Amino acid sequence: MSNQPLEQKAVAAVIEELQRQAAERPDGLRVSPNETGIHVEGAIDVDALVMVVVGAMAGGP
């Protein structure tokens, strides 16, 4: 992920984190790909999501 542009890093980090959260709580969150991105149903841990995005941004180029 380190050679990707910043926007791609952020998108990848969001998708990976949402999938991780869904795997931990399959009854509370569903994430599925669609033609334009992903479809999300359920509660999201926003603090964890923000931490992952900030970490991806801090990783540098």
Protein backbone atom coordinates (compact mmCIF):
# COMPACT_ATOMS: atom_id res chain seq x y z
CA MET A 1 0.00 0.00 0.00
CA SER A 2 2.98 2.37 0.46
CA ASN A 3 3.41 3.24 -3.26
CA GLN A 4 -0.24 4.21 -3.77
CA PRO A 5 -1.47 7.80 -3.96
CA LEU A 6 -2.86 9.15 -0.69
CA GLU A 7 -6.50 8.89 -1.81
CA GLN A 8 -6.11 5.22 -2.76
CA LYS A 9 -4.49 4.52 0.60
CA ALA A 10 -7.43 6.11 2.40
CA VAL A 11 -10.01 4.19 0.35
CA ALA A 12 -8.20 0.90 0.90
CA ALA A 13 -7.90 1.59 4.64
CA VAL A 14 -11.63 2.37 4.95
CA ILE A 15 -12.67 -0.76 3.06
CA GLU A 16 -10.29 -3.00 5.01
CA GLU A 17 -11.43 -1.58 8.35
CA LEU A 18 -15.11 -1.91 7.52
CA GLN A 19 -14.53 -5.52 6.45
CA ARG A 20 -12.63 -6.18 9.67
CA GLN A 21 -15.44 -4.72 11.76
CA ALA A 22 -18.02 -6.76 9.83
CA ALA A 23 -16.03 -9.94 10.40
CA GLU A 24 -15.97 -9.25 14.14
CA ARG A 25 -19.70 -8.46 14.31
CA PRO A 26 -21.49 -10.27 11.47
CA ASP A 27 -24.89 -9.73 13.11
CA GLY A 28 -24.32 -5.99 13.54
CA LEU A 29 -22.55 -4.93 10.36
CA ARG A 30 -22.61 -6.13 6.77
CA VAL A 31 -20.25 -4.91 4.07
CA SER A 32 -20.56 -6.00 0.46
CA PRO A 33 -19.00 -4.75 -2.76
CA ASN A 34 -21.19 -3.27 -5.48
CA GLU A 35 -20.62 -1.71 -8.89
CA THR A 36 -19.64 1.70 -7.49
CA GLY A 37 -17.85 0.76 -4.27
CA ILE A 38 -19.27 -0.94 -1.20
CA HIS A 39 -22.65 -1.24 0.48
CA VAL A 40 -22.63 -0.98 4.29
CA GLU A 41 -25.48 -1.92 6.60
CA GLY A 42 -25.21 -1.54 10.36
CA ALA A 43 -23.34 0.30 13.08
CA ILE A 44 -19.75 1.37 12.44
CA ASP A 45 -17.09 2.04 15.07
CA VAL A 46 -16.17 5.48 13.74
CA ASP A 47 -13.27 5.95 16.17
CA ALA A 48 -11.58 2.79 14.87
CA LEU A 49 -12.30 3.82 11.28
CA VAL A 50 -10.74 7.25 11.78
CA MET A 51 -7.68 5.76 13.46
CA VAL A 52 -7.09 3.47 10.47
CA VAL A 53 -7.43 6.33 7.98
CA VAL A 54 -5.12 8.58 10.00
CA GLY A 55 -2.62 5.73 10.17
CA ALA A 56 -2.79 5.28 6.42
CA MET A 57 -2.18 8.99 5.90
CA ALA A 58 0.73 9.05 8.35
CA GLY A 59 2.39 6.16 6.53
CA GLY A 60 3.70 8.56 3.91
CA PRO A 61 4.31 7.87 0.23
